[in-house]
């Protein structure tokens, strides 16, 4: 059993079970436990139900209380884990939604980028065909423009390949789901 002064050093816990609090210390103990914000099960011979809070469960002491407390503690910790996992899944879902939005945007913009890229590559090729009249430094710059345009073109082809792969995987997973549903119905 911990005294009021021990609470400051005992903050590293998942669930506290408090038993046999002197009636004179019950109110201050309950307030301290509420402020800590962690789940607490309080077993008391004094009625403390009016002190219950979001993380505080007050139960009367009964003859078989140790078994009751163990089961209740397991349930409280289980629900805490579920809540923590749910919050983490929400964070991951938000992150995936942001990434999916970016991917959809890239696919939408791809066509316009390809059009602009075709113009850059075509005009740089035309300039290089008539490169005899260009100064060497200008020819080098146009070649750089063309080479970078070719690299961008390769990246755009990768986007197209990726989109086709994703569509194929989507079709395969959809058709396997249909087959599974049909097999389950038979």
N, C-alpha and C. Protein backbone atom coordinates (compact mmCIF):
# COMPACT_ATOMS: atom_id res chain seq x y z
N UNK A 1 0.84 -1.18 0.00
CA UNK A 1 0.00 0.00 0.00
C UNK A 1 0.88 1.23 0.00
N UNK A 2 0.52 2.24 -0.81
CA UNK A 2 1.33 3.44 -0.90
C UNK A 2 0.66 4.58 -0.16
N UNK A 3 1.47 5.44 0.41
CA UNK A 3 0.93 6.63 1.05
C UNK A 3 0.80 7.73 0.02
N UNK A 4 0.16 8.85 0.38
CA UNK A 4 -0.02 9.97 -0.54
C UNK A 4 1.32 10.48 -1.07
N UNK A 5 2.35 10.46 -0.24
CA UNK A 5 3.65 10.98 -0.67
C UNK A 5 4.32 10.07 -1.69
N UNK A 6 3.89 8.81 -1.78
CA UNK A 6 4.50 7.87 -2.73
C UNK A 6 3.98 8.07 -4.15
N UNK A 7 2.86 8.75 -4.34
CA UNK A 7 2.29 8.89 -5.68
C UNK A 7 3.22 9.65 -6.62
N UNK A 8 3.96 10.63 -6.12
CA UNK A 8 4.84 11.40 -6.99
C UNK A 8 5.93 10.57 -7.63
N UNK A 9 6.39 9.50 -6.97
CA UNK A 9 7.45 8.67 -7.50
C UNK A 9 6.93 7.42 -8.20
N UNK A 10 5.62 7.19 -8.17
CA UNK A 10 5.06 5.96 -8.72
C UNK A 10 4.22 6.25 -9.96
N UNK A 11 4.68 7.14 -10.80
CA UNK A 11 3.89 7.53 -11.96
C UNK A 11 4.05 6.61 -13.16
N UNK A 12 4.91 5.63 -13.08
CA UNK A 12 5.14 4.73 -14.19
C UNK A 12 4.33 3.45 -14.00
N UNK A 13 3.05 3.50 -14.37
CA UNK A 13 2.20 2.33 -14.24
C UNK A 13 1.14 2.37 -15.33
N UNK A 14 0.59 1.19 -15.64
CA UNK A 14 -0.49 1.10 -16.62
C UNK A 14 -1.85 1.16 -15.95
N UNK A 15 -1.95 0.56 -14.77
CA UNK A 15 -3.20 0.49 -14.04
C UNK A 15 -2.88 0.38 -12.56
N UNK A 16 -3.55 1.18 -11.75
CA UNK A 16 -3.35 1.11 -10.31
C UNK A 16 -4.56 0.46 -9.67
N UNK A 17 -4.31 -0.39 -8.69
CA UNK A 17 -5.37 -0.98 -7.88
C UNK A 17 -5.10 -0.50 -6.45
N UNK A 18 -6.03 0.26 -5.90
CA UNK A 18 -5.85 0.84 -4.57
C UNK A 18 -6.84 0.17 -3.62
N UNK A 19 -6.31 -0.35 -2.52
CA UNK A 19 -7.11 -1.11 -1.56
C UNK A 19 -6.88 -0.54 -0.16
N UNK A 20 -7.91 -0.55 0.64
CA UNK A 20 -7.84 -0.21 2.07
C UNK A 20 -7.26 1.19 2.33
N UNK A 21 -7.93 2.17 1.84
CA UNK A 21 -7.57 3.57 2.12
C UNK A 21 -8.32 3.99 3.38
N UNK A 22 -7.62 4.63 4.26
CA UNK A 22 -8.28 5.13 5.49
C UNK A 22 -9.36 6.14 5.06
N UNK A 23 -10.54 6.07 5.66
CA UNK A 23 -11.63 6.96 5.25
C UNK A 23 -11.27 8.44 5.28
N UNK A 24 -10.40 8.85 6.19
CA UNK A 24 -10.00 10.26 6.25
C UNK A 24 -9.16 10.68 5.04
N UNK A 25 -8.47 9.73 4.44
CA UNK A 25 -7.58 10.03 3.30
C UNK A 25 -8.24 9.73 1.96
N UNK A 26 -9.44 9.19 1.99
CA UNK A 26 -10.09 8.75 0.76
C UNK A 26 -10.30 9.89 -0.23
N UNK A 27 -10.84 11.01 0.20
CA UNK A 27 -11.14 12.12 -0.70
C UNK A 27 -9.88 12.67 -1.36
N UNK A 28 -8.82 12.90 -0.58
CA UNK A 28 -7.58 13.45 -1.17
C UNK A 28 -6.92 12.42 -2.09
N UNK A 29 -6.99 11.14 -1.73
CA UNK A 29 -6.41 10.10 -2.58
C UNK A 29 -7.15 10.02 -3.91
N UNK A 30 -8.48 10.07 -3.86
CA UNK A 30 -9.28 10.02 -5.08
C UNK A 30 -8.95 11.21 -5.98
N UNK A 31 -8.84 12.40 -5.43
CA UNK A 31 -8.51 13.59 -6.23
C UNK A 31 -7.13 13.46 -6.86
N UNK A 32 -6.17 12.96 -6.10
CA UNK A 32 -4.81 12.77 -6.63
C UNK A 32 -4.82 11.76 -7.78
N UNK A 33 -5.55 10.67 -7.61
CA UNK A 33 -5.62 9.65 -8.66
C UNK A 33 -6.29 10.19 -9.92
N UNK A 34 -7.32 11.00 -9.75
CA UNK A 34 -7.99 11.60 -10.91
C UNK A 34 -7.03 12.51 -11.68
N UNK A 35 -6.22 13.28 -10.95
CA UNK A 35 -5.29 14.20 -11.60
C UNK A 35 -4.22 13.47 -12.40
N UNK A 36 -3.84 12.27 -11.97
CA UNK A 36 -2.80 11.51 -12.67
C UNK A 36 -3.28 11.06 -14.05
N UNK A 37 -4.59 10.87 -14.21
CA UNK A 37 -5.14 10.56 -15.52
C UNK A 37 -4.94 9.14 -16.00
N UNK A 38 -4.43 8.27 -15.17
CA UNK A 38 -4.24 6.87 -15.55
C UNK A 38 -5.37 6.04 -14.94
N UNK A 39 -5.65 4.88 -15.51
CA UNK A 39 -6.75 4.07 -14.98
C UNK A 39 -6.47 3.56 -13.56
N UNK A 40 -7.50 3.64 -12.73
CA UNK A 40 -7.37 3.24 -11.33
C UNK A 40 -8.63 2.47 -10.93
N UNK A 41 -8.42 1.38 -10.22
CA UNK A 41 -9.51 0.65 -9.58
C UNK A 41 -9.33 0.86 -8.08
N UNK A 42 -10.36 1.43 -7.45
CA UNK A 42 -10.31 1.73 -6.03
C UNK A 42 -11.30 0.83 -5.31
N UNK A 43 -10.80 -0.03 -4.43
CA UNK A 43 -11.65 -0.88 -3.61
C UNK A 43 -11.71 -0.26 -2.23
N UNK A 44 -12.92 0.03 -1.77
CA UNK A 44 -13.05 0.73 -0.50
C UNK A 44 -14.28 0.25 0.24
N UNK A 45 -14.18 0.20 1.56
CA UNK A 45 -15.34 -0.16 2.37
C UNK A 45 -16.27 1.04 2.50
N UNK A 46 -15.76 2.24 2.20
CA UNK A 46 -16.56 3.46 2.23
C UNK A 46 -17.10 3.70 0.83
N UNK A 47 -18.33 4.17 0.72
CA UNK A 47 -18.94 4.43 -0.58
C UNK A 47 -18.23 5.61 -1.25
N UNK A 48 -17.52 5.34 -2.33
CA UNK A 48 -16.79 6.39 -3.05
C UNK A 48 -17.34 6.56 -4.45
N UNK A 49 -18.53 6.05 -4.72
CA UNK A 49 -19.10 6.13 -6.07
C UNK A 49 -19.25 7.56 -6.57
N UNK A 50 -19.47 8.51 -5.66
CA UNK A 50 -19.62 9.90 -6.10
C UNK A 50 -18.30 10.44 -6.62
N UNK A 51 -17.20 9.76 -6.33
CA UNK A 51 -15.88 10.22 -6.76
C UNK A 51 -15.45 9.62 -8.09
N UNK A 52 -16.26 8.75 -8.68
CA UNK A 52 -15.84 8.09 -9.91
C UNK A 52 -15.61 9.12 -11.02
N UNK A 53 -14.64 8.80 -11.85
CA UNK A 53 -14.33 9.66 -12.98
C UNK A 53 -14.08 8.81 -14.20
N UNK A 54 -13.56 9.44 -15.25
CA UNK A 54 -13.33 8.74 -16.52
C UNK A 54 -12.35 7.59 -16.37
N UNK A 55 -11.29 7.78 -15.59
CA UNK A 55 -10.26 6.75 -15.43
C UNK A 55 -10.29 6.11 -14.05
N UNK A 56 -11.32 6.40 -13.27
CA UNK A 56 -11.38 5.91 -11.90
C UNK A 56 -12.63 5.07 -11.71
N UNK A 57 -12.44 3.83 -11.32
CA UNK A 57 -13.56 2.92 -11.05
C UNK A 57 -13.52 2.61 -9.56
N UNK A 58 -14.59 2.97 -8.86
CA UNK A 58 -14.67 2.71 -7.42
C UNK A 58 -15.60 1.53 -7.20
N UNK A 59 -15.10 0.53 -6.48
CA UNK A 59 -15.89 -0.67 -6.20
C UNK A 59 -15.89 -0.94 -4.70
N UNK A 60 -16.99 -1.47 -4.20
CA UNK A 60 -16.99 -1.85 -2.79
C UNK A 60 -16.18 -3.13 -2.60
N UNK A 61 -15.55 -3.25 -1.46
CA UNK A 61 -14.80 -4.48 -1.17
C UNK A 61 -15.80 -5.61 -0.96
N UNK A 62 -15.51 -6.75 -1.56
CA UNK A 62 -16.33 -7.93 -1.37
C UNK A 62 -15.43 -9.09 -0.98
N UNK A 63 -16.03 -10.17 -0.59
CA UNK A 63 -15.25 -11.30 -0.08
C UNK A 63 -14.26 -11.84 -1.11
N UNK A 64 -14.67 -11.98 -2.33
CA UNK A 64 -13.80 -12.53 -3.38
C UNK A 64 -13.18 -11.42 -4.24
N UNK A 65 -12.84 -10.30 -3.64
CA UNK A 65 -12.37 -9.16 -4.41
C UNK A 65 -11.08 -9.38 -5.19
N UNK A 66 -10.12 -10.18 -4.75
CA UNK A 66 -8.90 -10.32 -5.56
C UNK A 66 -9.19 -10.86 -6.96
N UNK A 67 -10.05 -11.86 -7.08
CA UNK A 67 -10.37 -12.41 -8.41
C UNK A 67 -11.10 -11.38 -9.25
N UNK A 68 -12.01 -10.65 -8.62
CA UNK A 68 -12.75 -9.60 -9.34
C UNK A 68 -11.80 -8.53 -9.85
N UNK A 69 -10.88 -8.11 -9.02
CA UNK A 69 -9.93 -7.06 -9.41
C UNK A 69 -9.04 -7.53 -10.55
N UNK A 70 -8.59 -8.76 -10.51
CA UNK A 70 -7.73 -9.28 -11.58
C UNK A 70 -8.47 -9.27 -12.91
N UNK A 71 -9.71 -9.75 -12.91
CA UNK A 71 -10.50 -9.77 -14.16
C UNK A 71 -10.76 -8.35 -14.64
N UNK A 72 -11.13 -7.48 -13.74
CA UNK A 72 -11.40 -6.10 -14.11
C UNK A 72 -10.13 -5.41 -14.63
N UNK A 73 -9.01 -5.64 -13.98
CA UNK A 73 -7.74 -5.05 -14.41
C UNK A 73 -7.37 -5.54 -15.81
N UNK A 74 -7.57 -6.81 -16.07
CA UNK A 74 -7.28 -7.34 -17.41
C UNK A 74 -8.13 -6.65 -18.45
N UNK A 75 -9.40 -6.45 -18.15
CA UNK A 75 -10.30 -5.80 -19.10
C UNK A 75 -9.92 -4.34 -19.33
N UNK A 76 -9.57 -3.63 -18.28
CA UNK A 76 -9.18 -2.23 -18.41
C UNK A 76 -7.93 -2.12 -19.29
N UNK A 77 -6.93 -2.95 -19.03
CA UNK A 77 -5.70 -2.91 -19.83
C UNK A 77 -5.96 -3.32 -21.27
N UNK A 78 -6.81 -4.30 -21.47
CA UNK A 78 -7.17 -4.74 -22.81
C UNK A 78 -7.82 -3.60 -23.58
N UNK A 79 -8.74 -2.89 -22.95
CA UNK A 79 -9.41 -1.78 -23.62
C UNK A 79 -8.44 -0.62 -23.87
N UNK A 80 -7.49 -0.43 -22.99
CA UNK A 80 -6.46 0.60 -23.22
C UNK A 80 -5.63 0.26 -24.45
N UNK A 81 -5.25 -1.01 -24.58
CA UNK A 81 -4.47 -1.42 -25.76
C UNK A 81 -5.28 -1.24 -27.03
N UNK A 82 -6.55 -1.60 -26.97
CA UNK A 82 -7.42 -1.42 -28.15
C UNK A 82 -7.49 0.05 -28.53
N UNK A 83 -7.66 0.92 -27.54
CA UNK A 83 -7.74 2.35 -27.81
C UNK A 83 -6.43 2.86 -28.42
N UNK A 84 -5.30 2.45 -27.86
CA UNK A 84 -4.00 2.88 -28.39
C UNK A 84 -3.80 2.37 -29.82
N UNK A 85 -4.17 1.12 -30.07
CA UNK A 85 -4.05 0.57 -31.42
C UNK A 85 -4.97 1.30 -32.39
N UNK A 86 -6.17 1.62 -31.96
CA UNK A 86 -7.11 2.34 -32.81
C UNK A 86 -6.56 3.71 -33.17
N UNK A 87 -6.00 4.42 -32.19
CA UNK A 87 -5.43 5.74 -32.45
C UNK A 87 -4.26 5.64 -33.43
N UNK A 88 -3.43 4.63 -33.28
CA UNK A 88 -2.30 4.42 -34.19
C UNK A 88 -2.79 4.10 -35.60
N UNK A 89 -3.83 3.28 -35.70
CA UNK A 89 -4.40 2.96 -37.01
C UNK A 89 -4.99 4.20 -37.67
N UNK A 90 -5.59 5.09 -36.88
CA UNK A 90 -6.11 6.33 -37.44
C UNK A 90 -4.98 7.19 -38.00
N UNK A 91 -3.86 7.26 -37.28
CA UNK A 91 -2.71 8.01 -37.75
C UNK A 91 -2.17 7.42 -39.06
N UNK A 92 -2.03 6.10 -39.09
CA UNK A 92 -1.54 5.43 -40.30
C UNK A 92 -2.50 5.64 -41.47
N UNK A 93 -3.80 5.57 -41.18
CA UNK A 93 -4.80 5.77 -42.23
C UNK A 93 -4.70 7.19 -42.79
N UNK A 94 -4.53 8.17 -41.94
CA UNK A 94 -4.38 9.56 -42.41
C UNK A 94 -3.16 9.71 -43.30
N UNK A 95 -2.07 9.09 -42.88
CA UNK A 95 -0.83 9.15 -43.67
C UNK A 95 -1.03 8.48 -45.04
N UNK A 96 -1.68 7.33 -45.05
CA UNK A 96 -1.93 6.64 -46.32
C UNK A 96 -2.87 7.44 -47.22
N UNK A 97 -3.85 8.10 -46.63
CA UNK A 97 -4.76 8.93 -47.43
C UNK A 97 -4.02 10.10 -48.07
N UNK A 98 -3.09 10.72 -47.32
CA UNK A 98 -2.29 11.82 -47.89
C UNK A 98 -1.44 11.31 -49.06
N UNK A 99 -0.80 10.15 -48.86
CA UNK A 99 0.04 9.59 -49.92
C UNK A 99 -0.80 9.19 -51.13
N UNK A 100 -1.98 8.66 -50.91
CA UNK A 100 -2.87 8.28 -52.02
C UNK A 100 -3.31 9.52 -52.79
N UNK A 101 -3.58 10.60 -52.08
CA UNK A 101 -3.96 11.85 -52.75
C UNK A 101 -2.83 12.36 -53.63
N UNK A 102 -1.62 12.28 -53.12
CA UNK A 102 -0.46 12.71 -53.90
C UNK A 102 -0.30 11.83 -55.15
N UNK A 103 -0.48 10.53 -54.98
CA UNK A 103 -0.39 9.62 -56.12
C UNK A 103 -1.45 9.90 -57.17
N UNK A 104 -2.69 10.14 -56.73
CA UNK A 104 -3.76 10.47 -57.68
C UNK A 104 -3.43 11.77 -58.42
N UNK A 105 -2.90 12.76 -57.69
CA UNK A 105 -2.54 14.02 -58.32
C UNK A 105 -1.45 13.81 -59.38
N UNK A 106 -0.46 13.01 -59.04
CA UNK A 106 0.63 12.74 -60.00
C UNK A 106 0.08 12.07 -61.26
N UNK A 107 -0.86 11.16 -61.10
CA UNK A 107 -1.43 10.49 -62.26
C UNK A 107 -2.25 11.45 -63.11
N UNK A 108 -2.95 12.38 -62.47
CA UNK A 108 -3.73 13.37 -63.20
C UNK A 108 -2.83 14.34 -63.96
N UNK A 109 -1.71 14.71 -63.37
CA UNK A 109 -0.81 15.70 -63.96
C UNK A 109 0.09 15.08 -65.03
N UNK A 110 0.23 13.77 -65.00
CA UNK A 110 1.15 13.08 -65.89
C UNK A 110 0.91 13.42 -67.36
N UNK A 111 -0.33 13.46 -67.80
CA UNK A 111 -0.65 13.74 -69.21
C UNK A 111 -0.16 15.13 -69.60
N UNK A 112 -0.44 16.13 -68.77
CA UNK A 112 0.01 17.50 -69.07
C UNK A 112 1.53 17.60 -69.07
N UNK A 113 2.18 16.91 -68.15
CA UNK A 113 3.65 16.92 -68.13
C UNK A 113 4.22 16.27 -69.39
N UNK A 114 3.60 15.17 -69.83
CA UNK A 114 4.06 14.51 -71.05
C UNK A 114 3.94 15.44 -72.26
N UNK A 115 2.85 16.19 -72.34
CA UNK A 115 2.68 17.13 -73.46
C UNK A 115 3.77 18.19 -73.46
N UNK A 116 4.04 18.78 -72.30
CA UNK A 116 5.08 19.80 -72.19
C UNK A 116 6.45 19.20 -72.49
N UNK A 117 6.69 18.01 -72.01
CA UNK A 117 7.96 17.34 -72.23
C UNK A 117 8.17 17.02 -73.71
N UNK A 118 7.12 16.60 -74.38
CA UNK A 118 7.22 16.32 -75.82
C UNK A 118 7.63 17.58 -76.58
N UNK A 119 7.06 18.71 -76.18
CA UNK A 119 7.41 19.98 -76.82
C UNK A 119 8.88 20.33 -76.58
N UNK A 120 9.35 20.17 -75.32
CA UNK A 120 10.74 20.49 -74.99
C UNK A 120 11.69 19.58 -75.77
N UNK A 121 11.40 18.28 -75.79
CA UNK A 121 12.28 17.34 -76.50
C UNK A 121 12.26 17.60 -78.01
N UNK A 122 11.07 17.84 -78.55
CA UNK A 122 10.97 18.08 -79.99
C UNK A 122 11.72 19.33 -80.40
N UNK A 123 11.53 20.42 -79.66
CA UNK A 123 12.22 21.67 -80.02
C UNK A 123 13.72 21.57 -79.79
N UNK A 124 14.15 20.87 -78.76
CA UNK A 124 15.59 20.73 -78.55
C UNK A 124 16.21 19.89 -79.67
N UNK A 125 15.49 18.85 -80.13
CA UNK A 125 15.99 18.05 -81.26
C UNK A 125 16.09 18.90 -82.52
N UNK A 126 15.07 19.74 -82.77
CA UNK A 126 15.11 20.61 -83.97
C UNK A 126 16.29 21.59 -83.90
N UNK A 127 16.54 22.15 -82.73
CA UNK A 127 17.66 23.08 -82.58
C UNK A 127 18.98 22.34 -82.80
N UNK A 128 19.10 21.12 -82.27
CA UNK A 128 20.34 20.37 -82.41
C UNK A 128 20.57 19.91 -83.85
N UNK A 129 19.50 19.73 -84.61
CA UNK A 129 19.66 19.36 -86.04
C UNK A 129 20.35 20.48 -86.81
N UNK A 130 20.09 21.70 -86.41
CA UNK A 130 20.67 22.85 -87.08
C UNK A 130 21.77 23.45 -86.20
N UNK A 131 22.55 22.58 -85.55
CA UNK A 131 23.53 23.02 -84.57
C UNK A 131 24.80 23.60 -85.18
N UNK A 132 24.98 23.45 -86.48
CA UNK A 132 26.19 24.00 -87.09
C UNK A 132 26.26 25.52 -86.93
N UNK A 133 25.11 26.15 -86.85
CA UNK A 133 25.07 27.62 -86.75
C UNK A 133 25.10 28.09 -85.30
N UNK A 134 25.07 27.15 -84.32
CA UNK A 134 25.06 27.52 -82.91
C UNK A 134 26.47 27.61 -82.35
N UNK A 135 26.70 28.58 -81.44
CA UNK A 135 27.98 28.59 -80.73
C UNK A 135 28.09 27.33 -79.86
N UNK A 136 29.30 26.90 -79.57
CA UNK A 136 29.54 25.66 -78.82
C UNK A 136 28.89 25.70 -77.43
N UNK A 137 28.94 26.84 -76.74
CA UNK A 137 28.36 26.93 -75.40
C UNK A 137 26.83 26.78 -75.46
N UNK A 138 26.20 27.34 -76.47
CA UNK A 138 24.75 27.23 -76.62
C UNK A 138 24.36 25.81 -77.00
N UNK A 139 25.17 25.19 -77.87
CA UNK A 139 24.90 23.80 -78.24
C UNK A 139 24.96 22.90 -77.00
N UNK A 140 25.94 23.13 -76.13
CA UNK A 140 26.09 22.35 -74.90
C UNK A 140 24.86 22.52 -74.00
N UNK A 141 24.35 23.73 -73.92
CA UNK A 141 23.17 23.99 -73.08
C UNK A 141 21.93 23.30 -73.66
N UNK A 142 21.76 23.33 -74.96
CA UNK A 142 20.61 22.67 -75.59
C UNK A 142 20.72 21.16 -75.41
N UNK A 143 21.94 20.60 -75.50
CA UNK A 143 22.13 19.16 -75.26
C UNK A 143 21.76 18.80 -73.81
N UNK A 144 22.13 19.68 -72.88
CA UNK A 144 21.76 19.45 -71.47
C UNK A 144 20.25 19.45 -71.32
N UNK A 145 19.58 20.40 -71.97
CA UNK A 145 18.11 20.47 -71.91
C UNK A 145 17.52 19.18 -72.46
N UNK A 146 18.04 18.71 -73.58
CA UNK A 146 17.53 17.50 -74.18
C UNK A 146 17.78 16.28 -73.28
N UNK A 147 19.00 16.17 -72.73
CA UNK A 147 19.32 15.03 -71.85
C UNK A 147 18.44 15.02 -70.60
N UNK A 148 18.22 16.17 -70.00
CA UNK A 148 17.36 16.23 -68.82
C UNK A 148 15.91 15.91 -69.20
N UNK A 149 15.51 16.35 -70.39
CA UNK A 149 14.17 16.01 -70.89
C UNK A 149 14.02 14.51 -71.07
N UNK A 150 15.07 13.85 -71.54
CA UNK A 150 15.02 12.39 -71.71
C UNK A 150 14.91 11.69 -70.35
N UNK A 151 15.63 12.23 -69.36
CA UNK A 151 15.52 11.64 -68.01
C UNK A 151 14.10 11.80 -67.47
N UNK A 152 13.52 12.97 -67.69
CA UNK A 152 12.15 13.20 -67.25
C UNK A 152 11.20 12.26 -67.99
N UNK A 153 11.48 12.02 -69.25
CA UNK A 153 10.65 11.12 -70.05
C UNK A 153 10.70 9.69 -69.46
N UNK A 154 11.87 9.26 -69.04
CA UNK A 154 12.01 7.93 -68.41
C UNK A 154 11.19 7.86 -67.11
N UNK A 155 11.24 8.93 -66.34
CA UNK A 155 10.46 8.97 -65.09
C UNK A 155 8.97 8.89 -65.40
N UNK A 156 8.52 9.59 -66.41
CA UNK A 156 7.10 9.56 -66.79
C UNK A 156 6.71 8.15 -67.25
N UNK A 157 7.60 7.47 -67.94
CA UNK A 157 7.31 6.08 -68.35
C UNK A 157 7.20 5.17 -67.13
N UNK A 158 8.01 5.42 -66.12
CA UNK A 158 7.91 4.63 -64.89
C UNK A 158 6.56 4.85 -64.21
N UNK A 159 6.08 6.10 -64.20
CA UNK A 159 4.75 6.38 -63.66
C UNK A 159 3.69 5.59 -64.42
N UNK A 160 3.81 5.58 -65.74
CA UNK A 160 2.83 4.84 -66.55
C UNK A 160 2.89 3.36 -66.24
N UNK A 161 4.10 2.82 -66.11
CA UNK A 161 4.26 1.40 -65.79
C UNK A 161 3.68 1.09 -64.42
N UNK A 162 3.94 1.95 -63.48
CA UNK A 162 3.43 1.76 -62.13
C UNK A 162 1.90 1.77 -62.12
N UNK A 163 1.32 2.71 -62.86
CA UNK A 163 -0.14 2.78 -62.92
C UNK A 163 -0.71 1.49 -63.53
N UNK A 164 -0.08 1.00 -64.60
CA UNK A 164 -0.55 -0.23 -65.24
C UNK A 164 -0.43 -1.43 -64.29
N UNK A 165 0.68 -1.50 -63.56
CA UNK A 165 0.87 -2.59 -62.59
C UNK A 165 -0.19 -2.54 -61.51
N UNK A 166 -0.47 -1.33 -61.02
CA UNK A 166 -1.47 -1.18 -59.96
C UNK A 166 -2.86 -1.57 -60.47
N UNK A 167 -3.19 -1.20 -61.70
CA UNK A 167 -4.48 -1.57 -62.27
C UNK A 167 -4.58 -3.09 -62.43
N UNK A 168 -3.49 -3.71 -62.88
CA UNK A 168 -3.48 -5.16 -63.05
C UNK A 168 -3.66 -5.86 -61.70
N UNK A 169 -2.94 -5.39 -60.68
CA UNK A 169 -3.08 -5.98 -59.34
C UNK A 169 -4.50 -5.80 -58.81
N UNK A 170 -5.07 -4.64 -59.06
CA UNK A 170 -6.44 -4.37 -58.63
C UNK A 170 -7.42 -5.31 -59.32
N UNK A 171 -7.22 -5.52 -60.62
CA UNK A 171 -8.09 -6.44 -61.35
C UNK A 171 -7.94 -7.87 -60.85
N UNK A 172 -6.68 -8.27 -60.59
CA UNK A 172 -6.44 -9.63 -60.10
C UNK A 172 -7.04 -9.83 -58.71
N UNK A 173 -6.89 -8.86 -57.84
CA UNK A 173 -7.45 -9.01 -56.50
C UNK A 173 -8.98 -8.98 -56.55
N UNK A 174 -9.53 -8.20 -57.47
CA UNK A 174 -10.99 -8.16 -57.64
C UNK A 174 -11.52 -9.46 -58.19
N UNK A 175 -10.83 -10.04 -59.16
CA UNK A 175 -11.30 -11.29 -59.75
C UNK A 175 -11.09 -12.46 -58.79
N UNK A 176 -10.04 -12.44 -57.96
CA UNK A 176 -9.85 -13.51 -56.99
C UNK A 176 -10.89 -13.41 -55.90
N UNK A 177 -11.30 -12.17 -55.55
CA UNK A 177 -12.36 -11.99 -54.58
C UNK A 177 -13.69 -12.51 -55.08
N UNK A 178 -13.93 -12.31 -56.39
CA UNK A 178 -15.15 -12.82 -57.00
C UNK A 178 -15.13 -14.34 -57.00
N UNK A 179 -13.96 -14.93 -57.34
CA UNK A 179 -13.84 -16.39 -57.33
C UNK A 179 -14.04 -16.94 -55.93
N UNK A 180 -13.48 -16.28 -54.91
CA UNK A 180 -13.64 -16.73 -53.52
C UNK A 180 -15.10 -16.67 -53.11
N UNK A 181 -15.77 -15.60 -53.49
CA UNK A 181 -17.18 -15.46 -53.13
C UNK A 181 -18.02 -16.52 -53.84
N UNK A 182 -17.69 -16.79 -55.11
CA UNK A 182 -18.41 -17.81 -55.86
C UNK A 182 -18.15 -19.20 -55.27
N UNK A 183 -16.91 -19.45 -54.87
CA UNK A 183 -16.57 -20.76 -54.29
C UNK A 183 -17.27 -20.92 -52.94
N UNK A 184 -17.37 -19.84 -52.18
CA UNK A 184 -18.03 -19.90 -50.89
C UNK A 184 -19.53 -20.14 -51.02
N UNK A 185 -20.11 -19.68 -52.14
CA UNK A 185 -21.55 -19.85 -52.34
C UNK A 185 -21.91 -21.26 -52.76
N UNK A 186 -20.92 -22.01 -53.30
CA UNK A 186 -21.19 -23.37 -53.79
C UNK A 186 -21.32 -24.35 -52.70
